[in-house]
Amino acid sequence: MSTTLAVASTKNRTAWFFLLLALASLMWSAQGTAVKILDRHLGPIAITFLPFYVTTLLFIPLLLKMQREKRSAANPSAADWIRFIIAGVAGQILAQLGMTWGISKSLAANGAILNLLIPVISAVLASFLLKERITVLRVSALGIGLVGVGLMSLSDWRQASFSEMRYLTGNLLILAGCLGSAFYNVYCKGLMRRFTEIEILIFSYITASLASLPLLIWAEPFSFRAFERFDWRSWVAFAFLALLMYGASMLLFFKALQHLDVTTASASLYLVPVFGVLLAAMVLGERLNLTAMAGAAIVLLATVLIMKYDLSN
């Protein structure tokens, strides 16, 4: 009886954390729309980092409040700050810049396809850095999800070009961004043994902001006069990136990541294109074709499989 109750409790807990992951994926699926609205006023690097800086500034009072209340059991040492620098630079900055610069030198379709590798790369890195088990179920769920997203990305496959040398630099940058994203999730999972998810986000965001600021000034000089051209849609898009994209969604993802293996949590990333297609249909009036609907159903199947039967967490 106790074993049955324990299994039921584990399934309920996993279902709850997957709900958090689904909400995070829903927020991430709207990133492309927000970027399209802002690219009339800002360059790609400014679009990437200006909302990120706002998120970091908003997080700092939360960190100070936590320290006053002594909710944190550990204060970062010099070695810890080096770890946060690694997470911020090799994780956040590499992920954001790799994707931003990569797409500017390649094709958006190439970026959409290469992004499908993030859950797979995460699983491989987690097996090496965190010693997570690669089970048949997890491999099967990742494979099924990859097939489903592949069906939903048929138009991207038709437009993609990986053989032309002019796109090589861009494709390599996008791949570097995928590696940075996967590395950030895996590396931060290791830091959760000592720090809470909120502390990790704040400390890594601080180091990433400080490290990226000179790059923004050098590569894409920014003037605050650009904000004078913002209409209400631009302000909504900017606020979405700062509050939800870099803020709430990452808190939800890290909350789930604290209790789930990286391989399991990364499978939820295949929900991002599912929500993207649904949002396009509801907001932009785009029609859902049978192939996209079938792909979405396959992705949901993979998610249910790993949520219901993966009891390794």
C-alpha atoms as a PDB file:
ATOM      1  CA  MET A   1       0.000   0.000   0.000  1.00  0.00           C
ATOM      2  CA  SER A   2       2.800   2.425   0.932  1.00  0.00           C
ATOM      3  CA  THR A   3       4.560   1.753  -2.381  1.00  0.00           C
ATOM      4  CA  THR A   4       1.351   2.443  -4.311  1.00  0.00           C
ATOM      5  CA  LEU A   5       0.831   5.721  -2.442  1.00  0.00           C
ATOM      6  CA  ALA A   6       4.437   6.744  -3.076  1.00  0.00           C
ATOM      7  CA  VAL A   7       4.090   6.097  -6.817  1.00  0.00           C
ATOM      8  CA  ALA A   8       0.817   8.060  -6.931  1.00  0.00           C
ATOM      9  CA  SER A   9       2.438  10.935  -5.034  1.00  0.00           C
ATOM     10  CA  THR A  10       5.377  10.952  -7.441  1.00  0.00           C
ATOM     11  CA  LYS A  11       3.053  11.040 -10.458  1.00  0.00           C
ATOM     12  CA  ASN A  12       1.016  13.901  -8.983  1.00  0.00           C
ATOM     13  CA  ARG A  13       4.161  15.847  -8.190  1.00  0.00           C
ATOM     14  CA  THR A  14       5.563  15.281 -11.686  1.00  0.00           C
ATOM     15  CA  ALA A  15       2.256  16.373 -13.251  1.00  0.00           C
ATOM     16  CA  TRP A  16       2.354  19.593 -11.215  1.00  0.00           C
ATOM     17  CA  PHE A  17       5.899  20.398 -12.299  1.00  0.00           C
ATOM     18  CA  PHE A  18       5.045  19.663 -15.919  1.00  0.00           C
ATOM     19  CA  LEU A  19       2.214  22.185 -15.617  1.00  0.00           C
ATOM     20  CA  LEU A  20       4.817  24.759 -14.570  1.00  0.00           C
ATOM     21  CA  LEU A  21       6.982  23.747 -17.540  1.00  0.00           C
ATOM     22  CA  ALA A  22       4.004  24.028 -19.894  1.00  0.00           C
ATOM     23  CA  LEU A  23       3.312  27.569 -18.654  1.00  0.00           C
ATOM     24  CA  ALA A  24       6.967  28.465 -19.216  1.00  0.00           C
ATOM     25  CA  SER A  25       6.824  27.003 -22.739  1.00  0.00           C
ATOM     26  CA  LEU A  26       3.672  29.020 -23.445  1.00  0.00           C
ATOM     27  CA  MET A  27       5.537  32.212 -22.568  1.00  0.00           C
ATOM     28  CA  TRP A  28       8.586  31.244 -24.635  1.00  0.00           C
ATOM     29  CA  SER A  29       6.397  30.509 -27.662  1.00  0.00           C
ATOM     30  CA  ALA A  30       5.439  34.193 -27.865  1.00  0.00           C
ATOM     31  CA  GLN A  31       9.040  35.439 -27.953  1.00  0.00           C
ATOM     32  CA  GLY A  32       9.199  35.553 -31.750  1.00  0.00           C
ATOM     33  CA  THR A  33       6.115  37.760 -31.956  1.00  0.00           C
ATOM     34  CA  ALA A  34       7.542  40.187 -29.399  1.00  0.00           C
ATOM     35  CA  VAL A  35      10.878  40.373 -31.233  1.00  0.00           C
ATOM     36  CA  LYS A  36       9.135  41.083 -34.556  1.00  0.00           C
ATOM     37  CA  ILE A  37       7.307  44.013 -32.970  1.00  0.00           C
ATOM     38  CA  LEU A  38      10.494  45.487 -31.491  1.00  0.00           C
ATOM     39  CA  ASP A  39      12.789  45.050 -34.485  1.00  0.00           C
ATOM     40  CA  ARG A  40      11.267  48.189 -36.016  1.00  0.00           C
ATOM     41  CA  HIS A  41      12.921  50.252 -33.288  1.00  0.00           C
ATOM     42  CA  LEU A  42      15.883  48.295 -31.901  1.00  0.00           C
ATOM     43  CA  GLY A  43      18.724  46.178 -33.192  1.00  0.00           C
ATOM     44  CA  PRO A  44      18.892  42.459 -32.412  1.00  0.00           C
ATOM     45  CA  ILE A  45      21.427  42.783 -29.589  1.00  0.00           C
ATOM     46  CA  ALA A  46      19.480  45.609 -27.923  1.00  0.00           C
ATOM     47  CA  ILE A  47      16.283  43.559 -28.205  1.00  0.00           C
ATOM     48  CA  THR A  48      18.083  40.684 -26.521  1.00  0.00           C
ATOM     49  CA  PHE A  49      19.763  42.467 -23.633  1.00  0.00           C
ATOM     50  CA  LEU A  50      17.785  45.622 -22.765  1.00  0.00           C
ATOM     51  CA  PRO A  51      14.784  43.631 -21.431  1.00  0.00           C
ATOM     52  CA  PHE A  52      17.289  41.281 -19.786  1.00  0.00           C
ATOM     53  CA  TYR A  53      18.826  44.223 -17.900  1.00  0.00           C
ATOM     54  CA  VAL A  54      15.373  45.332 -16.731  1.00  0.00           C
ATOM     55  CA  THR A  55      14.669  41.815 -15.447  1.00  0.00           C
ATOM     56  CA  THR A  56      17.987  41.794 -13.570  1.00  0.00           C
ATOM     57  CA  LEU A  57      17.258  45.167 -11.949  1.00  0.00           C
ATOM     58  CA  LEU A  58      13.807  43.958 -10.901  1.00  0.00           C
ATOM     59  CA  PHE A  59      15.331  40.821  -9.395  1.00  0.00           C
ATOM     60  CA  ILE A  60      17.868  42.695  -7.233  1.00  0.00           C
ATOM     61  CA  PRO A  61      15.295  44.005  -4.669  1.00  0.00           C
ATOM     62  CA  LEU A  62      14.022  40.441  -4.346  1.00  0.00           C
ATOM     63  CA  LEU A  63      17.556  39.266  -3.617  1.00  0.00           C
ATOM     64  CA  LEU A  64      18.074  42.000  -1.010  1.00  0.00           C
ATOM     65  CA  LYS A  65      14.745  41.104   0.610  1.00  0.00           C
ATOM     66  CA  MET A  66      15.751  37.442   0.781  1.00  0.00           C
ATOM     67  CA  GLN A  67      19.071  38.361   2.383  1.00  0.00           C
ATOM     68  CA  ARG A  68      17.417  40.596   4.974  1.00  0.00           C
ATOM     69  CA  GLU A  69      15.036  37.813   5.898  1.00  0.00           C
ATOM     70  CA  LYS A  70      17.972  35.377   5.938  1.00  0.00           C
ATOM     71  CA  ARG A  71      16.034  32.920   3.830  1.00  0.00           C
ATOM     72  CA  SER A  72      19.251  31.903   2.110  1.00  0.00           C
ATOM     73  CA  ALA A  73      21.339  29.385   4.011  1.00  0.00           C
ATOM     74  CA  ALA A  74      24.457  30.058   1.935  1.00  0.00           C
ATOM     75  CA  ASN A  75      26.265  33.222   0.866  1.00  0.00           C
ATOM     76  CA  PRO A  76      28.243  33.083  -2.378  1.00  0.00           C
ATOM     77  CA  SER A  77      31.955  32.619  -1.923  1.00  0.00           C
ATOM     78  CA  ALA A  78      34.588  33.677  -4.461  1.00  0.00           C
ATOM     79  CA  ALA A  79      34.436  30.175  -5.960  1.00  0.00           C
ATOM     80  CA  ASP A  80      30.639  30.439  -6.166  1.00  0.00           C
ATOM     81  CA  TRP A  81      30.869  33.740  -8.036  1.00  0.00           C
ATOM     82  CA  ILE A  82      33.183  32.078 -10.545  1.00  0.00           C
ATOM     83  CA  ARG A  83      30.486  29.444 -11.051  1.00  0.00           C
ATOM     84  CA  PHE A  84      27.862  32.144 -11.562  1.00  0.00           C
ATOM     85  CA  ILE A  85      30.130  33.872 -14.083  1.00  0.00           C
ATOM     86  CA  ILE A  86      30.430  30.587 -15.960  1.00  0.00           C
ATOM     87  CA  ALA A  87      26.645  30.178 -15.908  1.00  0.00           C
ATOM     88  CA  GLY A  88      26.029  33.761 -17.013  1.00  0.00           C
ATOM     89  CA  VAL A  89      28.688  33.993 -19.740  1.00  0.00           C
ATOM     90  CA  ALA A  90      28.900  30.421 -21.087  1.00  0.00           C
ATOM     91  CA  GLY A  91      25.165  29.954 -20.573  1.00  0.00           C
ATOM     92  CA  GLN A  92      22.996  33.048 -20.923  1.00  0.00           C
ATOM     93  CA  ILE A  93      25.236  35.256 -23.079  1.00  0.00           C
ATOM     94  CA  LEU A  94      26.276  32.441 -25.409  1.00  0.00           C
ATOM     95  CA  ALA A  95      22.654  31.309 -25.764  1.00  0.00           C
ATOM     96  CA  GLN A  96      21.253  34.773 -26.462  1.00  0.00           C
ATOM     97  CA  LEU A  97      24.049  36.073 -28.696  1.00  0.00           C
ATOM     98  CA  GLY A  98      24.471  32.814 -30.570  1.00  0.00           C
ATOM     99  CA  MET A  99      20.835  32.757 -31.586  1.00  0.00           C
ATOM    100  CA  THR A 100      20.576  36.520 -32.272  1.00  0.00           C
ATOM    101  CA  TRP A 101      23.714  36.865 -34.377  1.00  0.00           C
ATOM    102  CA  GLY A 102      23.269  33.429 -35.903  1.00  0.00           C
ATOM    103  CA  ILE A 103      19.837  34.138 -37.352  1.00  0.00           C
ATOM    104  CA  SER A 104      21.066  37.523 -38.655  1.00  0.00           C
ATOM    105  CA  LYS A 105      23.745  35.647 -40.631  1.00  0.00           C
ATOM    106  CA  SER A 106      21.643  32.622 -41.546  1.00  0.00           C
ATOM    107  CA  LEU A 107      17.950  31.806 -41.943  1.00  0.00           C
ATOM    108  CA  ALA A 108      15.203  31.802 -39.328  1.00  0.00           C
ATOM    109  CA  ALA A 109      14.246  28.346 -40.632  1.00  0.00           C
ATOM    110  CA  ASN A 110      17.758  27.081 -39.872  1.00  0.00           C
ATOM    111  CA  GLY A 111      17.438  28.466 -36.346  1.00  0.00           C
ATOM    112  CA  ALA A 112      14.055  26.806 -35.801  1.00  0.00           C
ATOM    113  CA  ILE A 113      15.424  23.423 -36.862  1.00  0.00           C
ATOM    114  CA  LEU A 114      18.682  23.645 -34.909  1.00  0.00           C
ATOM    115  CA  ASN A 115      16.698  24.594 -31.791  1.00  0.00           C
ATOM    116  CA  LEU A 116      15.192  21.114 -31.881  1.00  0.00           C
ATOM    117  CA  LEU A 117      18.580  19.831 -30.701  1.00  0.00           C
ATOM    118  CA  ILE A 118      18.431  21.606 -27.312  1.00  0.00           C
ATOM    119  CA  PRO A 119      16.593  18.803 -25.425  1.00  0.00           C
ATOM    120  CA  VAL A 120      18.927  16.209 -26.947  1.00  0.00           C
ATOM    121  CA  ILE A 121      22.064  18.222 -26.123  1.00  0.00           C
ATOM    122  CA  SER A 122      20.714  18.787 -22.606  1.00  0.00           C
ATOM    123  CA  ALA A 123      20.232  15.051 -22.091  1.00  0.00           C
ATOM    124  CA  VAL A 124      23.790  14.302 -23.224  1.00  0.00           C
ATOM    125  CA  LEU A 125      25.327  17.050 -21.063  1.00  0.00           C
ATOM    126  CA  ALA A 126      23.265  15.964 -18.044  1.00  0.00           C
ATOM    127  CA  SER A 127      24.529  12.409 -18.383  1.00  0.00           C
ATOM    128  CA  PHE A 128      28.149  13.631 -18.286  1.00  0.00           C
ATOM    129  CA  LEU A 129      27.975  16.555 -15.835  1.00  0.00           C
ATOM    130  CA  LEU A 130      25.205  15.363 -13.502  1.00  0.00           C
ATOM    131  CA  LYS A 131      25.404  11.592 -14.028  1.00  0.00           C
ATOM    132  CA  GLU A 132      21.708  11.457 -14.941  1.00  0.00           C
ATOM    133  CA  ARG A 133      20.515   8.123 -16.281  1.00  0.00           C
ATOM    134  CA  ILE A 134      19.577   7.926 -19.953  1.00  0.00           C
ATOM    135  CA  THR A 135      16.719   5.432 -19.839  1.00  0.00           C
ATOM    136  CA  VAL A 136      14.877   3.831 -22.730  1.00  0.00           C
ATOM    137  CA  LEU A 137      11.765   5.808 -21.785  1.00  0.00           C
ATOM    138  CA  ARG A 138      13.585   9.124 -21.837  1.00  0.00           C
ATOM    139  CA  VAL A 139      15.278   8.415 -25.168  1.00  0.00           C
ATOM    140  CA  SER A 140      11.951   7.261 -26.623  1.00  0.00           C
ATOM    141  CA  ALA A 141      10.118  10.351 -25.350  1.00  0.00           C
ATOM    142  CA  LEU A 142      12.778  12.675 -26.769  1.00  0.00           C
ATOM    143  CA  GLY A 143      12.711  10.807 -30.079  1.00  0.00           C
ATOM    144  CA  ILE A 144       8.903  10.883 -30.314  1.00  0.00           C
ATOM    145  CA  GLY A 145       8.876  14.578 -29.444  1.00  0.00           C
ATOM    146  CA  LEU A 146      11.527  15.269 -32.066  1.00  0.00           C
ATOM    147  CA  VAL A 147       9.426  13.515 -34.717  1.00  0.00           C
ATOM    148  CA  GLY A 148       6.355  15.505 -33.718  1.00  0.00           C
ATOM    149  CA  VAL A 149       8.136  18.842 -33.826  1.00  0.00           C
ATOM    150  CA  GLY A 150       9.729  17.815 -37.128  1.00  0.00           C
ATOM    151  CA  LEU A 151       6.275  17.354 -38.628  1.00  0.00           C
ATOM    152  CA  MET A 152       5.234  20.757 -37.354  1.00  0.00           C
ATOM    153  CA  SER A 153       8.379  22.280 -38.889  1.00  0.00           C
ATOM    154  CA  LEU A 154       7.935  21.003 -42.454  1.00  0.00           C
ATOM    155  CA  SER A 155       7.775  24.546 -43.796  1.00  0.00           C
ATOM    156  CA  ASP A 156      11.059  25.320 -42.018  1.00  0.00           C
ATOM    157  CA  TRP A 157      12.653  22.221 -43.552  1.00  0.00           C
ATOM    158  CA  ARG A 158      11.614  23.413 -47.023  1.00  0.00           C
ATOM    159  CA  GLN A 159      13.098  26.862 -46.452  1.00  0.00           C
ATOM    160  CA  ALA A 160      16.214  25.746 -44.585  1.00  0.00           C
ATOM    161  CA  SER A 161      19.644  25.628 -46.152  1.00  0.00           C
ATOM    162  CA  PHE A 162      22.578  23.975 -44.402  1.00  0.00           C
ATOM    163  CA  SER A 163      24.769  23.316 -47.443  1.00  0.00           C
ATOM    164  CA  GLU A 164      25.376  26.899 -48.578  1.00  0.00           C
ATOM    165  CA  MET A 165      28.687  28.211 -47.249  1.00  0.00           C
ATOM    166  CA  ARG A 166      27.327  31.746 -46.837  1.00  0.00           C
ATOM    167  CA  TYR A 167      25.164  30.479 -43.988  1.00  0.00           C
ATOM    168  CA  LEU A 168      27.923  28.452 -42.317  1.00  0.00           C
ATOM    169  CA  THR A 169      28.948  31.141 -39.815  1.00  0.00           C
ATOM    170  CA  GLY A 170      25.348  31.821 -38.896  1.00  0.00           C
ATOM    171  CA  ASN A 171      24.545  28.132 -38.480  1.00  0.00           C
ATOM    172  CA  LEU A 172      27.582  27.641 -36.237  1.00  0.00           C
ATOM    173  CA  LEU A 173      26.535  30.615 -34.116  1.00  0.00           C
ATOM    174  CA  ILE A 174      23.004  29.206 -33.781  1.00  0.00           C
ATOM    175  CA  LEU A 175      24.452  25.846 -32.778  1.00  0.00           C
ATOM    176  CA  ALA A 176      26.621  27.627 -30.203  1.00  0.00           C
ATOM    177  CA  GLY A 177      23.469  29.289 -28.880  1.00  0.00           C
ATOM    178  CA  CYS A 178      21.798  25.900 -28.539  1.00  0.00           C
ATOM    179  CA  LEU A 179      24.830  24.591 -26.650  1.00  0.00           C
ATOM    180  CA  GLY A 180      24.753  27.655 -24.384  1.00  0.00           C
ATOM    181  CA  SER A 181      21.071  27.172 -23.598  1.00  0.00           C
ATOM    182  CA  ALA A 182      21.505  23.480 -22.815  1.00  0.00           C
ATOM    183  CA  PHE A 183      24.665  24.122 -20.786  1.00  0.00           C
ATOM    184  CA  TYR A 184      22.932  26.833 -18.721  1.00  0.00           C
ATOM    185  CA  ASN A 185      20.111  24.499 -17.701  1.00  0.00           C
ATOM    186  CA  VAL A 186      22.422  21.613 -16.867  1.00  0.00           C
ATOM    187  CA  TYR A 187      25.040  23.695 -15.063  1.00  0.00           C
ATOM    188  CA  CYS A 188      22.451  25.566 -12.997  1.00  0.00           C
ATOM    189  CA  LYS A 189      20.877  22.247 -11.999  1.00  0.00           C
ATOM    190  CA  GLY A 190      24.202  21.379 -10.397  1.00  0.00           C
ATOM    191  CA  LEU A 191      24.223  24.703  -8.501  1.00  0.00           C
ATOM    192  CA  MET A 192      20.828  23.891  -6.975  1.00  0.00           C
ATOM    193  CA  ARG A 193      22.549  21.621  -4.477  1.00  0.00           C
ATOM    194  CA  ARG A 194      23.745  24.764  -2.698  1.00  0.00           C
ATOM    195  CA  PHE A 195      21.478  27.632  -3.827  1.00  0.00           C
ATOM    196  CA  THR A 196      17.768  28.098  -4.511  1.00  0.00           C
ATOM    197  CA  GLU A 197      16.470  28.567  -8.046  1.00  0.00           C
ATOM    198  CA  ILE A 198      15.792  32.282  -7.421  1.00  0.00           C
ATOM    199  CA  GLU A 199      19.334  32.891  -6.164  1.00  0.00           C
ATOM    200  CA  ILE A 200      20.852  31.118  -9.153  1.00  0.00           C
ATOM    201  CA  LEU A 201      18.787  33.149 -11.588  1.00  0.00           C
ATOM    202  CA  ILE A 202      19.614  36.452  -9.915  1.00  0.00           C
ATOM    203  CA  PHE A 203      23.343  35.836  -9.491  1.00  0.00           C
ATOM    204  CA  SER A 204      23.776  34.457 -13.028  1.00  0.00           C
ATOM    205  CA  TYR A 205      21.706  37.318 -14.475  1.00  0.00           C
ATOM    206  CA  ILE A 206      23.908  39.856 -12.682  1.00  0.00           C
ATOM    207  CA  THR A 207      27.105  38.364 -14.105  1.00  0.00           C
ATOM    208  CA  ALA A 208      25.568  38.037 -17.584  1.00  0.00           C
ATOM    209  CA  SER A 209      24.373  41.653 -17.530  1.00  0.00           C
ATOM    210  CA  LEU A 210      27.750  43.023 -16.465  1.00  0.00           C
ATOM    211  CA  ALA A 211      29.593  40.903 -19.041  1.00  0.00           C
ATOM    212  CA  SER A 212      27.260  41.762 -21.943  1.00  0.00           C
ATOM    213  CA  LEU A 213      27.032  45.526 -21.373  1.00  0.00           C
ATOM    214  CA  PRO A 214      30.420  46.360 -22.991  1.00  0.00           C
ATOM    215  CA  LEU A 215      29.492  44.160 -25.940  1.00  0.00           C
ATOM    216  CA  LEU A 216      26.212  46.040 -26.444  1.00  0.00           C
ATOM    217  CA  ILE A 217      27.999  49.385 -26.298  1.00  0.00           C
ATOM    218  CA  TRP A 218      30.689  48.234 -28.746  1.00  0.00           C
ATOM    219  CA  ALA A 219      28.659  46.249 -31.273  1.00  0.00           C
ATOM    220  CA  GLU A 220      25.362  48.098 -31.276  1.00  0.00           C
ATOM    221  CA  PRO A 221      25.519  51.587 -29.743  1.00  0.00           C
ATOM    222  CA  PHE A 222      22.130  52.325 -28.213  1.00  0.00           C
ATOM    223  CA  SER A 223      20.284  55.590 -27.678  1.00  0.00           C
ATOM    224  CA  PHE A 224      17.375  55.975 -25.285  1.00  0.00           C
ATOM    225  CA  ARG A 225      15.728  58.126 -27.951  1.00  0.00           C
ATOM    226  CA  ALA A 226      14.700  54.842 -29.572  1.00  0.00           C
ATOM    227  CA  PHE A 227      12.065  54.487 -26.837  1.00  0.00           C
ATOM    228  CA  GLU A 228      10.408  57.699 -28.058  1.00  0.00           C
ATOM    229  CA  ARG A 229       9.287  55.827 -31.174  1.00  0.00           C
ATOM    230  CA  PHE A 230       7.613  53.058 -29.189  1.00  0.00           C
ATOM    231  CA  ASP A 231       3.867  52.660 -29.599  1.00  0.00           C
ATOM    232  CA  TRP A 232       1.722  50.715 -27.125  1.00  0.00           C
ATOM    233  CA  ARG A 233       2.427  47.405 -28.917  1.00  0.00           C
ATOM    234  CA  SER A 234       6.160  47.990 -28.594  1.00  0.00           C
ATOM    235  CA  TRP A 235       5.861  48.724 -24.878  1.00  0.00           C
ATOM    236  CA  VAL A 236       3.742  45.607 -24.359  1.00  0.00           C
ATOM    237  CA  ALA A 237       6.307  43.513 -26.271  1.00  0.00           C
ATOM    238  CA  PHE A 238       9.196  44.982 -24.258  1.00  0.00           C
ATOM    239  CA  ALA A 239       7.356  44.417 -20.971  1.00  0.00           C
ATOM    240  CA  PHE A 240       6.548  40.851 -22.026  1.00  0.00           C
ATOM    241  CA  LEU A 241      10.219  40.074 -22.636  1.00  0.00           C
ATOM    242  CA  ALA A 242      11.333  41.667 -19.356  1.00  0.00           C
ATOM    243  CA  LEU A 243       8.596  40.404 -17.043  1.00  0.00           C
ATOM    244  CA  LEU A 244       7.522  37.083 -18.532  1.00  0.00           C
ATOM    245  CA  MET A 245      10.163  35.861 -20.980  1.00  0.00           C
ATOM    246  CA  TYR A 246      13.263  36.439 -18.823  1.00  0.00           C
ATOM    247  CA  GLY A 247      11.439  36.677 -15.494  1.00  0.00           C
ATOM    248  CA  ALA A 248       8.382  34.549 -14.753  1.00  0.00           C
ATOM    249  CA  SER A 249       9.065  31.813 -17.323  1.00  0.00           C
ATOM    250  CA  MET A 250      12.582  31.168 -16.019  1.00  0.00           C
ATOM    251  CA  LEU A 251      11.359  31.108 -12.415  1.00  0.00           C
ATOM    252  CA  LEU A 252       8.748  28.501 -13.391  1.00  0.00           C
ATOM    253  CA  PHE A 253      11.275  26.439 -15.354  1.00  0.00           C
ATOM    254  CA  PHE A 254      13.866  26.520 -12.562  1.00  0.00           C
ATOM    255  CA  LYS A 255      11.229  25.692  -9.951  1.00  0.00           C
ATOM    256  CA  ALA A 256      10.419  22.516 -11.877  1.00  0.00           C
ATOM    257  CA  LEU A 257      14.099  21.861 -12.647  1.00  0.00           C
ATOM    258  CA  GLN A 258      14.883  21.845  -8.936  1.00  0.00           C
ATOM    259  CA  HIS A 259      12.708  18.719  -8.570  1.00  0.00           C
ATOM    260  CA  LEU A 260      13.060  17.024 -11.974  1.00  0.00           C
ATOM    261  CA  ASP A 261      16.047  15.713 -13.886  1.00  0.00           C
ATOM    262  CA  VAL A 262      17.276  17.957 -16.694  1.00  0.00           C
ATOM    263  CA  THR A 263      16.475  15.283 -19.297  1.00  0.00           C
ATOM    264  CA  THR A 264      12.872  15.094 -18.115  1.00  0.00           C
ATOM    265  CA  ALA A 265      12.393  18.856 -17.883  1.00  0.00           C
ATOM    266  CA  SER A 266      14.014  19.470 -21.279  1.00  0.00           C
ATOM    267  CA  ALA A 267      11.402  17.294 -22.978  1.00  0.00           C
ATOM    268  CA  SER A 268       8.907  20.082 -22.245  1.00  0.00           C
ATOM    269  CA  LEU A 269      10.793  22.376 -24.658  1.00  0.00           C
ATOM    270  CA  TYR A 270       9.084  20.534 -27.513  1.00  0.00           C
ATOM    271  CA  LEU A 271       5.858  22.187 -26.320  1.00  0.00           C
ATOM    272  CA  VAL A 272       7.147  25.606 -27.427  1.00  0.00           C
ATOM    273  CA  PRO A 273       6.394  25.121 -31.161  1.00  0.00           C
ATOM    274  CA  VAL A 274       3.060  23.514 -30.249  1.00  0.00           C
ATOM    275  CA  PHE A 275       1.989  26.636 -28.390  1.00  0.00           C
ATOM    276  CA  GLY A 276       3.509  28.777 -31.153  1.00  0.00           C
ATOM    277  CA  VAL A 277       1.288  27.149 -33.770  1.00  0.00           C
ATOM    278  CA  LEU A 278      -1.794  27.459 -31.551  1.00  0.00           C
ATOM    279  CA  LEU A 279      -1.070  31.126 -30.812  1.00  0.00           C
ATOM    280  CA  ALA A 280      -0.599  31.846 -34.505  1.00  0.00           C
ATOM    281  CA  ALA A 281      -3.969  30.258 -35.200  1.00  0.00           C
ATOM    282  CA  MET A 282      -5.785  32.139 -32.432  1.00  0.00           C
ATOM    283  CA  VAL A 283      -4.058  35.526 -32.639  1.00  0.00           C
ATOM    284  CA  LEU A 284      -3.034  35.800 -36.288  1.00  0.00           C
ATOM    285  CA  GLY A 285      -5.801  33.691 -37.786  1.00  0.00           C
ATOM    286  CA  GLU A 286      -3.407  31.236 -39.429  1.00  0.00           C
ATOM    287  CA  ARG A 287      -4.967  27.935 -40.456  1.00  0.00           C
ATOM    288  CA  LEU A 288      -3.907  24.692 -38.815  1.00  0.00           C
ATOM    289  CA  ASN A 289      -3.099  22.006 -41.370  1.00  0.00           C
ATOM    290  CA  LEU A 290      -3.451  18.310 -40.652  1.00  0.00           C
ATOM    291  CA  THR A 291       0.317  17.749 -40.550  1.00  0.00           C
ATOM    292  CA  ALA A 292       0.810  20.423 -37.891  1.00  0.00           C
ATOM    293  CA  MET A 293      -2.076  19.027 -35.860  1.00  0.00           C
ATOM    294  CA  ALA A 294      -0.622  15.513 -36.099  1.00  0.00           C
ATOM    295  CA  GLY A 295       2.790  16.801 -35.033  1.00  0.00           C
ATOM    296  CA  ALA A 296       1.265  18.603 -32.055  1.00  0.00           C
ATOM    297  CA  ALA A 297      -0.548  15.423 -31.023  1.00  0.00           C
ATOM    298  CA  ILE A 298       2.712  13.430 -31.191  1.00  0.00           C
ATOM    299  CA  VAL A 299       4.527  16.012 -29.046  1.00  0.00           C
ATOM    300  CA  LEU A 300       1.753  15.860 -26.468  1.00  0.00           C
ATOM    301  CA  LEU A 301       1.997  12.061 -26.501  1.00  0.00           C
ATOM    302  CA  ALA A 302       5.721  12.223 -25.754  1.00  0.00           C
ATOM    303  CA  THR A 303       5.067  14.673 -22.925  1.00  0.00           C
ATOM    304  CA  VAL A 304       2.393  12.448 -21.377  1.00  0.00           C
ATOM    305  CA  LEU A 305       4.649   9.395 -21.620  1.00  0.00           C
ATOM    306  CA  ILE A 306       7.536  10.922 -19.724  1.00  0.00           C
ATOM    307  CA  MET A 307       5.225  12.694 -17.262  1.00  0.00           C
ATOM    308  CA  LYS A 308       3.257   9.553 -16.419  1.00  0.00           C
ATOM    309  CA  TYR A 309       5.871   6.813 -16.499  1.00  0.00           C
ATOM    310  CA  ASP A 310       9.217   8.452 -15.651  1.00  0.00           C
ATOM    311  CA  LEU A 311       9.531   7.805 -11.915  1.00  0.00           C
ATOM    312  CA  SER A 312      13.277   8.442 -11.727  1.00  0.00           C
ATOM    313  CA  ASN A 313      12.880  11.894 -10.180  1.00  0.00           C
END
